[in-house]
């Protein structure tokens, strides 16, 4: 039972770590959705219609900004987790070879790099888009007819803020099927996973380069002839050749 609790706690800490790192990109998508909503409302006509070019341009700009920020956060997280993996490998090597537990400040096992963690973060990031796509697809008839109930309207408004960057283009362009917006969820899912791995490999390359430079300097210092300090004592300094 104690082993089960230990493993369950480890799983929970890992999931929580991925969820925490997914929150910042989620809020960036929320911010871009809010900006997109304001822009589209500002350019809407008296009948609520917005030109196709405005919808596409605003949606692409807001989407690209959010996705780029998502990629940057995932890249940084991958590098940080790879540093934790290096620390974990040092601890495990110390335990296996020396039988001692090496103490490393700031090391957490659940923060170690694993390739699938980026995709778990991507799952959390794209979850609002999936839920929004399902809601807008279900209520598409009443949305288009303008007869949405109060409860449904509140739910739709909430998810329009969380995932409007993915849903609003379909809504304002009167797409035949709002469920298609769920496919947009693949973008943050793939971006989070791929750039998390890229960030880890970038950190590995940087560490390898630093280690190679340190080894080269060490080899140069070893090969350099040592200067003998005679201390200026009489009879200890070799005679100069005339």
C-alpha atoms as a PDB file:
ATOM      1  CA  UNK A   1       0.000   0.000   0.000  1.00  0.00           C
ATOM      2  CA  UNK A   2       2.835   2.365   0.854  1.00  0.00           C
ATOM      3  CA  UNK A   3       4.459   1.687  -2.540  1.00  0.00           C
ATOM      4  CA  UNK A   4       1.153   2.451  -4.262  1.00  0.00           C
ATOM      5  CA  UNK A   5       0.850   5.770  -2.423  1.00  0.00           C
ATOM      6  CA  UNK A   6       4.443   6.601  -3.291  1.00  0.00           C
ATOM      7  CA  UNK A   7       3.915   5.894  -6.993  1.00  0.00           C
ATOM      8  CA  UNK A   8       0.560   7.716  -7.001  1.00  0.00           C
ATOM      9  CA  UNK A   9       2.205  10.734  -5.404  1.00  0.00           C
ATOM     10  CA  UNK A  10       4.955  10.662  -8.024  1.00  0.00           C
ATOM     11  CA  UNK A  11       2.384  10.528 -10.844  1.00  0.00           C
ATOM     12  CA  UNK A  12       0.389  13.387  -9.326  1.00  0.00           C
ATOM     13  CA  UNK A  13       3.477  15.590  -8.943  1.00  0.00           C
ATOM     14  CA  UNK A  14       4.424  14.932 -12.569  1.00  0.00           C
ATOM     15  CA  UNK A  15       0.920  15.750 -13.831  1.00  0.00           C
ATOM     16  CA  UNK A  16       0.782  18.860 -11.660  1.00  0.00           C
ATOM     17  CA  UNK A  17       4.156  20.019 -13.007  1.00  0.00           C
ATOM     18  CA  UNK A  18       2.910  19.702 -16.592  1.00  0.00           C
ATOM     19  CA  UNK A  19      -0.367  21.445 -15.733  1.00  0.00           C
ATOM     20  CA  UNK A  20       1.429  24.371 -14.091  1.00  0.00           C
ATOM     21  CA  UNK A  21       3.633  24.872 -17.159  1.00  0.00           C
ATOM     22  CA  UNK A  22       0.534  24.723 -19.383  1.00  0.00           C
ATOM     23  CA  UNK A  23      -1.254  27.532 -17.526  1.00  0.00           C
ATOM     24  CA  UNK A  24       0.868  30.374 -18.922  1.00  0.00           C
ATOM     25  CA  UNK A  25       0.238  29.439 -22.592  1.00  0.00           C
ATOM     26  CA  UNK A  26      -3.460  28.954 -21.760  1.00  0.00           C
ATOM     27  CA  UNK A  27      -3.675  32.510 -20.438  1.00  0.00           C
ATOM     28  CA  UNK A  28      -1.883  33.811 -23.526  1.00  0.00           C
ATOM     29  CA  UNK A  29      -4.480  32.086 -25.729  1.00  0.00           C
ATOM     30  CA  UNK A  30      -7.145  33.641 -23.485  1.00  0.00           C
ATOM     31  CA  UNK A  31      -5.617  37.102 -23.945  1.00  0.00           C
ATOM     32  CA  UNK A  32      -5.424  36.712 -27.723  1.00  0.00           C
ATOM     33  CA  UNK A  33      -9.030  35.457 -27.790  1.00  0.00           C
ATOM     34  CA  UNK A  34     -10.138  38.562 -25.897  1.00  0.00           C
ATOM     35  CA  UNK A  35      -8.246  40.834 -28.283  1.00  0.00           C
ATOM     36  CA  UNK A  36      -9.713  39.002 -31.281  1.00  0.00           C
ATOM     37  CA  UNK A  37     -13.233  39.360 -29.881  1.00  0.00           C
ATOM     38  CA  UNK A  38     -12.748  43.117 -29.373  1.00  0.00           C
ATOM     39  CA  UNK A  39     -11.345  43.571 -32.895  1.00  0.00           C
ATOM     40  CA  UNK A  40     -14.164  41.618 -34.548  1.00  0.00           C
ATOM     41  CA  UNK A  41     -16.837  43.435 -32.539  1.00  0.00           C
ATOM     42  CA  UNK A  42     -15.286  46.779 -33.470  1.00  0.00           C
ATOM     43  CA  UNK A  43     -15.375  45.946 -37.185  1.00  0.00           C
ATOM     44  CA  UNK A  44     -18.834  44.366 -37.120  1.00  0.00           C
ATOM     45  CA  UNK A  45     -21.591  46.001 -39.134  1.00  0.00           C
ATOM     46  CA  UNK A  46     -25.100  46.812 -37.936  1.00  0.00           C
ATOM     47  CA  UNK A  47     -26.156  43.238 -38.673  1.00  0.00           C
ATOM     48  CA  UNK A  48     -23.141  41.855 -36.765  1.00  0.00           C
ATOM     49  CA  UNK A  49     -21.357  40.706 -39.923  1.00  0.00           C
ATOM     50  CA  UNK A  50     -17.596  41.133 -40.321  1.00  0.00           C
ATOM     51  CA  UNK A  51     -15.754  41.029 -43.629  1.00  0.00           C
ATOM     52  CA  UNK A  52     -13.997  37.781 -44.463  1.00  0.00           C
ATOM     53  CA  UNK A  53     -10.604  39.463 -44.851  1.00  0.00           C
ATOM     54  CA  UNK A  54     -10.877  41.110 -41.412  1.00  0.00           C
ATOM     55  CA  UNK A  55     -11.818  37.827 -39.732  1.00  0.00           C
ATOM     56  CA  UNK A  56      -8.979  35.917 -41.378  1.00  0.00           C
ATOM     57  CA  UNK A  57      -6.336  38.606 -40.821  1.00  0.00           C
ATOM     58  CA  UNK A  58      -7.207  39.221 -37.166  1.00  0.00           C
ATOM     59  CA  UNK A  59      -7.539  35.489 -36.437  1.00  0.00           C
ATOM     60  CA  UNK A  60      -4.202  34.634 -38.033  1.00  0.00           C
ATOM     61  CA  UNK A  61      -2.328  37.441 -36.244  1.00  0.00           C
ATOM     62  CA  UNK A  62      -3.776  36.600 -32.815  1.00  0.00           C
ATOM     63  CA  UNK A  63      -3.289  32.880 -33.397  1.00  0.00           C
ATOM     64  CA  UNK A  64       0.331  33.239 -34.513  1.00  0.00           C
ATOM     65  CA  UNK A  65       1.214  35.402 -31.486  1.00  0.00           C
ATOM     66  CA  UNK A  66      -0.340  32.892 -29.081  1.00  0.00           C
ATOM     67  CA  UNK A  67       1.258  29.885 -30.782  1.00  0.00           C
ATOM     68  CA  UNK A  68       4.686  31.581 -30.870  1.00  0.00           C
ATOM     69  CA  UNK A  69       4.467  32.310 -27.147  1.00  0.00           C
ATOM     70  CA  UNK A  70       3.350  28.720 -26.538  1.00  0.00           C
ATOM     71  CA  UNK A  71       6.402  27.483 -28.460  1.00  0.00           C
ATOM     72  CA  UNK A  72       8.757  29.749 -26.480  1.00  0.00           C
ATOM     73  CA  UNK A  73       7.395  28.566 -23.127  1.00  0.00           C
ATOM     74  CA  UNK A  74       7.614  24.904 -24.152  1.00  0.00           C
ATOM     75  CA  UNK A  75      11.164  25.393 -25.437  1.00  0.00           C
ATOM     76  CA  UNK A  76      12.258  26.949 -22.142  1.00  0.00           C
ATOM     77  CA  UNK A  77      10.539  24.252 -20.107  1.00  0.00           C
ATOM     78  CA  UNK A  78      12.267  21.509 -22.107  1.00  0.00           C
ATOM     79  CA  UNK A  79      15.665  23.049 -21.381  1.00  0.00           C
ATOM     80  CA  UNK A  80      14.923  23.426 -17.670  1.00  0.00           C
ATOM     81  CA  UNK A  81      13.699  19.851 -17.375  1.00  0.00           C
ATOM     82  CA  UNK A  82      16.805  18.584 -19.185  1.00  0.00           C
ATOM     83  CA  UNK A  83      18.964  20.248 -16.516  1.00  0.00           C
ATOM     84  CA  UNK A  84      16.933  18.351 -13.916  1.00  0.00           C
ATOM     85  CA  UNK A  85      17.582  15.130 -15.855  1.00  0.00           C
ATOM     86  CA  UNK A  86      21.346  15.765 -15.707  1.00  0.00           C
ATOM     87  CA  UNK A  87      21.107  16.258 -11.942  1.00  0.00           C
ATOM     88  CA  UNK A  88      19.043  13.080 -11.605  1.00  0.00           C
ATOM     89  CA  UNK A  89      21.584  11.067 -13.601  1.00  0.00           C
ATOM     90  CA  UNK A  90      24.366  12.360 -11.337  1.00  0.00           C
ATOM     91  CA  UNK A  91      22.434  11.284  -8.230  1.00  0.00           C
ATOM     92  CA  UNK A  92      21.693   7.827  -9.643  1.00  0.00           C
ATOM     93  CA  UNK A  93      25.326   7.332 -10.737  1.00  0.00           C
ATOM     94  CA  UNK A  94      26.539   8.370  -7.298  1.00  0.00           C
ATOM     95  CA  UNK A  95      24.149   5.919  -5.632  1.00  0.00           C
ATOM     96  CA  UNK A  96      25.138   3.057  -7.957  1.00  0.00           C
ATOM     97  CA  UNK A  97      28.925   3.560  -7.941  1.00  0.00           C
ATOM     98  CA  UNK A  98      29.601   5.072  -4.519  1.00  0.00           C
ATOM     99  CA  UNK A  99      26.536   3.986  -2.583  1.00  0.00           C
ATOM    100  CA  UNK A 100      25.959   7.563  -1.401  1.00  0.00           C
ATOM    101  CA  UNK A 101      23.004   9.883  -1.877  1.00  0.00           C
ATOM    102  CA  UNK A 102      24.276  12.995  -3.622  1.00  0.00           C
ATOM    103  CA  UNK A 103      22.478  16.160  -2.502  1.00  0.00           C
ATOM    104  CA  UNK A 104      21.749  18.607  -5.322  1.00  0.00           C
ATOM    105  CA  UNK A 105      19.982  21.851  -4.427  1.00  0.00           C
ATOM    106  CA  UNK A 106      16.796  22.470  -6.402  1.00  0.00           C
ATOM    107  CA  UNK A 107      16.579  18.967  -7.861  1.00  0.00           C
ATOM    108  CA  UNK A 108      13.100  17.423  -8.144  1.00  0.00           C
ATOM    109  CA  UNK A 109      12.593  14.016  -9.728  1.00  0.00           C
ATOM    110  CA  UNK A 110       9.172  14.913 -11.143  1.00  0.00           C
ATOM    111  CA  UNK A 111      10.782  17.798 -13.058  1.00  0.00           C
ATOM    112  CA  UNK A 112      13.125  15.568 -15.053  1.00  0.00           C
ATOM    113  CA  UNK A 113      12.874  15.677 -18.847  1.00  0.00           C
ATOM    114  CA  UNK A 114      10.765  13.034 -20.549  1.00  0.00           C
ATOM    115  CA  UNK A 115       9.764  13.371 -24.244  1.00  0.00           C
ATOM    116  CA  UNK A 116       6.066  12.750 -23.543  1.00  0.00           C
ATOM    117  CA  UNK A 117       5.769  15.559 -20.980  1.00  0.00           C
ATOM    118  CA  UNK A 118       5.586  18.218 -23.671  1.00  0.00           C
ATOM    119  CA  UNK A 119       2.612  16.479 -25.239  1.00  0.00           C
ATOM    120  CA  UNK A 120       0.920  16.205 -21.840  1.00  0.00           C
ATOM    121  CA  UNK A 121       1.327  19.973 -21.500  1.00  0.00           C
ATOM    122  CA  UNK A 122      -0.069  20.309 -25.004  1.00  0.00           C
ATOM    123  CA  UNK A 123      -3.077  18.235 -23.979  1.00  0.00           C
ATOM    124  CA  UNK A 124      -3.848  20.649 -21.151  1.00  0.00           C
ATOM    125  CA  UNK A 125      -3.336  23.645 -23.445  1.00  0.00           C
ATOM    126  CA  UNK A 126      -5.632  22.328 -26.183  1.00  0.00           C
ATOM    127  CA  UNK A 127      -8.334  21.069 -23.787  1.00  0.00           C
ATOM    128  CA  UNK A 128     -10.276  24.396 -23.763  1.00  0.00           C
ATOM    129  CA  UNK A 129     -10.322  24.332 -27.578  1.00  0.00           C
ATOM    130  CA  UNK A 130     -11.763  20.809 -27.615  1.00  0.00           C
ATOM    131  CA  UNK A 131     -14.462  21.693 -25.064  1.00  0.00           C
ATOM    132  CA  UNK A 132     -15.278  24.939 -26.883  1.00  0.00           C
ATOM    133  CA  UNK A 133     -15.536  23.108 -30.203  1.00  0.00           C
ATOM    134  CA  UNK A 134     -17.931  20.572 -28.705  1.00  0.00           C
ATOM    135  CA  UNK A 135     -20.079  23.294 -27.119  1.00  0.00           C
ATOM    136  CA  UNK A 136     -20.229  25.499 -30.201  1.00  0.00           C
ATOM    137  CA  UNK A 137     -20.932  22.483 -32.382  1.00  0.00           C
ATOM    138  CA  UNK A 138     -23.777  21.357 -30.137  1.00  0.00           C
ATOM    139  CA  UNK A 139     -25.373  24.808 -29.914  1.00  0.00           C
ATOM    140  CA  UNK A 140     -24.647  25.886 -33.498  1.00  0.00           C
ATOM    141  CA  UNK A 141     -28.344  26.016 -34.551  1.00  0.00           C
ATOM    142  CA  UNK A 142     -29.364  28.278 -31.646  1.00  0.00           C
ATOM    143  CA  UNK A 143     -26.203  30.399 -32.030  1.00  0.00           C
ATOM    144  CA  UNK A 144     -27.009  31.119 -35.665  1.00  0.00           C
ATOM    145  CA  UNK A 145     -30.682  31.765 -34.912  1.00  0.00           C
ATOM    146  CA  UNK A 146     -29.880  33.997 -31.922  1.00  0.00           C
ATOM    147  CA  UNK A 147     -32.079  32.014 -29.523  1.00  0.00           C
ATOM    148  CA  UNK A 148     -29.377  30.838 -27.118  1.00  0.00           C
ATOM    149  CA  UNK A 149     -30.562  30.244 -23.546  1.00  0.00           C
ATOM    150  CA  UNK A 150     -29.082  32.150 -20.629  1.00  0.00           C
ATOM    151  CA  UNK A 151     -27.048  29.237 -19.217  1.00  0.00           C
ATOM    152  CA  UNK A 152     -25.749  28.179 -22.625  1.00  0.00           C
ATOM    153  CA  UNK A 153     -24.887  31.793 -23.482  1.00  0.00           C
ATOM    154  CA  UNK A 154     -22.760  32.133 -20.331  1.00  0.00           C
ATOM    155  CA  UNK A 155     -20.932  28.858 -21.039  1.00  0.00           C
ATOM    156  CA  UNK A 156     -20.328  29.843 -24.651  1.00  0.00           C
ATOM    157  CA  UNK A 157     -19.031  33.274 -23.632  1.00  0.00           C
ATOM    158  CA  UNK A 158     -16.587  31.738 -21.139  1.00  0.00           C
ATOM    159  CA  UNK A 159     -15.147  29.335 -23.687  1.00  0.00           C
ATOM    160  CA  UNK A 160     -15.165  32.043 -26.333  1.00  0.00           C
ATOM    161  CA  UNK A 161     -12.602  33.811 -24.164  1.00  0.00           C
ATOM    162  CA  UNK A 162     -10.571  30.650 -23.487  1.00  0.00           C
ATOM    163  CA  UNK A 163     -10.607  29.354 -27.068  1.00  0.00           C
ATOM    164  CA  UNK A 164     -12.048  32.135 -29.186  1.00  0.00           C
ATOM    165  CA  UNK A 165      -8.891  32.275 -31.301  1.00  0.00           C
ATOM    166  CA  UNK A 166      -9.876  28.820 -32.623  1.00  0.00           C
ATOM    167  CA  UNK A 167     -13.690  29.049 -32.570  1.00  0.00           C
ATOM    168  CA  UNK A 168     -14.508  32.620 -33.613  1.00  0.00           C
ATOM    169  CA  UNK A 169     -13.221  32.309 -37.202  1.00  0.00           C
ATOM    170  CA  UNK A 170     -15.711  29.468 -37.762  1.00  0.00           C
ATOM    171  CA  UNK A 171     -18.461  31.438 -36.030  1.00  0.00           C
ATOM    172  CA  UNK A 172     -17.974  34.735 -37.882  1.00  0.00           C
ATOM    173  CA  UNK A 173     -17.423  33.061 -41.247  1.00  0.00           C
ATOM    174  CA  UNK A 174     -20.603  31.010 -40.734  1.00  0.00           C
ATOM    175  CA  UNK A 175     -18.866  27.678 -41.235  1.00  0.00           C
ATOM    176  CA  UNK A 176     -21.231  24.782 -41.951  1.00  0.00           C
ATOM    177  CA  UNK A 177     -19.901  22.794 -38.995  1.00  0.00           C
ATOM    178  CA  UNK A 178     -18.496  24.364 -35.822  1.00  0.00           C
ATOM    179  CA  UNK A 179     -17.192  20.953 -34.743  1.00  0.00           C
ATOM    180  CA  UNK A 180     -14.366  21.462 -37.250  1.00  0.00           C
ATOM    181  CA  UNK A 181     -12.801  23.952 -34.826  1.00  0.00           C
ATOM    182  CA  UNK A 182     -11.737  20.965 -32.697  1.00  0.00           C
ATOM    183  CA  UNK A 183      -9.086  20.202 -35.325  1.00  0.00           C
ATOM    184  CA  UNK A 184      -7.387  23.503 -34.448  1.00  0.00           C
ATOM    185  CA  UNK A 185      -6.571  21.939 -31.059  1.00  0.00           C
ATOM    186  CA  UNK A 186      -3.874  19.936 -32.824  1.00  0.00           C
ATOM    187  CA  UNK A 187      -1.809  23.122 -33.211  1.00  0.00           C
ATOM    188  CA  UNK A 188      -1.057  23.787 -29.502  1.00  0.00           C
ATOM    189  CA  UNK A 189      -0.804  20.041 -28.861  1.00  0.00           C
ATOM    190  CA  UNK A 190       1.890  19.510 -31.496  1.00  0.00           C
ATOM    191  CA  UNK A 191       3.666  22.824 -30.838  1.00  0.00           C
ATOM    192  CA  UNK A 192       3.942  22.135 -27.096  1.00  0.00           C
ATOM    193  CA  UNK A 193       5.297  18.625 -27.593  1.00  0.00           C
ATOM    194  CA  UNK A 194       7.734  19.401 -30.394  1.00  0.00           C
ATOM    195  CA  UNK A 195       9.232  22.572 -28.913  1.00  0.00           C
ATOM    196  CA  UNK A 196       9.572  20.922 -25.496  1.00  0.00           C
ATOM    197  CA  UNK A 197      11.793  18.283 -27.128  1.00  0.00           C
ATOM    198  CA  UNK A 198      13.642  20.919 -29.188  1.00  0.00           C
ATOM    199  CA  UNK A 199      14.337  22.908 -26.016  1.00  0.00           C
ATOM    200  CA  UNK A 200      15.797  19.836 -24.313  1.00  0.00           C
ATOM    201  CA  UNK A 201      18.038  19.026 -27.282  1.00  0.00           C
ATOM    202  CA  UNK A 202      19.178  22.661 -27.440  1.00  0.00           C
ATOM    203  CA  UNK A 203      20.158  22.523 -23.783  1.00  0.00           C
ATOM    204  CA  UNK A 204      21.969  19.218 -24.328  1.00  0.00           C
ATOM    205  CA  UNK A 205      23.947  20.707 -27.216  1.00  0.00           C
ATOM    206  CA  UNK A 206      24.847  23.742 -25.091  1.00  0.00           C
ATOM    207  CA  UNK A 207      25.988  21.567 -22.178  1.00  0.00           C
ATOM    208  CA  UNK A 208      28.049  19.351 -24.512  1.00  0.00           C
ATOM    209  CA  UNK A 209      29.695  22.422 -26.056  1.00  0.00           C
ATOM    210  CA  UNK A 210      30.556  23.842 -22.628  1.00  0.00           C
ATOM    211  CA  UNK A 211      31.979  20.485 -21.521  1.00  0.00           C
ATOM    212  CA  UNK A 212      34.086  20.171 -24.677  1.00  0.00           C
ATOM    213  CA  UNK A 213      35.442  23.697 -24.141  1.00  0.00           C
ATOM    214  CA  UNK A 214      36.284  22.910 -20.510  1.00  0.00           C
ATOM    215  CA  UNK A 215      38.041  19.668 -21.525  1.00  0.00           C
ATOM    216  CA  UNK A 216      40.061  21.522 -24.173  1.00  0.00           C
ATOM    217  CA  UNK A 217      41.189  24.158 -21.684  1.00  0.00           C
ATOM    218  CA  UNK A 218      42.101  21.459 -19.178  1.00  0.00           C
ATOM    219  CA  UNK A 219      44.164  19.608 -21.792  1.00  0.00           C
ATOM    220  CA  UNK A 220      45.955  22.829 -22.757  1.00  0.00           C
ATOM    221  CA  UNK A 221      46.804  23.555 -19.124  1.00  0.00           C
ATOM    222  CA  UNK A 222      48.162  20.027 -18.668  1.00  0.00           C
ATOM    223  CA  UNK A 223      50.335  20.206 -21.789  1.00  0.00           C
ATOM    224  CA  UNK A 224      51.745  23.647 -20.931  1.00  0.00           C
ATOM    225  CA  UNK A 225      55.268  23.404 -19.315  1.00  0.00           C
ATOM    226  CA  UNK A 226      55.298  24.481 -15.704  1.00  0.00           C
ATOM    227  CA  UNK A 227      57.454  27.445 -14.692  1.00  0.00           C
ATOM    228  CA  UNK A 228      59.853  26.679 -11.832  1.00  0.00           C
ATOM    229  CA  UNK A 229      59.917  29.236  -9.073  1.00  0.00           C
ATOM    230  CA  UNK A 230      63.469  29.362  -7.682  1.00  0.00           C
ATOM    231  CA  UNK A 231      62.529  31.875  -5.039  1.00  0.00           C
ATOM    232  CA  UNK A 232      65.554  34.071  -5.747  1.00  0.00           C
ATOM    233  CA  UNK A 233      67.798  32.075  -3.363  1.00  0.00           C
ATOM    234  CA  UNK A 234      71.556  32.220  -3.982  1.00  0.00           C
ATOM    235  CA  UNK A 235      72.870  29.257  -5.899  1.00  0.00           C
ATOM    236  CA  UNK A 236      69.446  28.022  -6.956  1.00  0.00           C
ATOM    237  CA  UNK A 237      69.090  29.962 -10.171  1.00  0.00           C
ATOM    238  CA  UNK A 238      70.832  28.421 -13.197  1.00  0.00           C
ATOM    239  CA  UNK A 239      73.660  30.425 -14.738  1.00  0.00           C
ATOM    240  CA  UNK A 240      72.843  32.260 -17.915  1.00  0.00           C
ATOM    241  CA  UNK A 241      74.810  31.290 -20.965  1.00  0.00           C
ATOM    242  CA  UNK A 242      77.000  34.063 -22.266  1.00  0.00           C
END
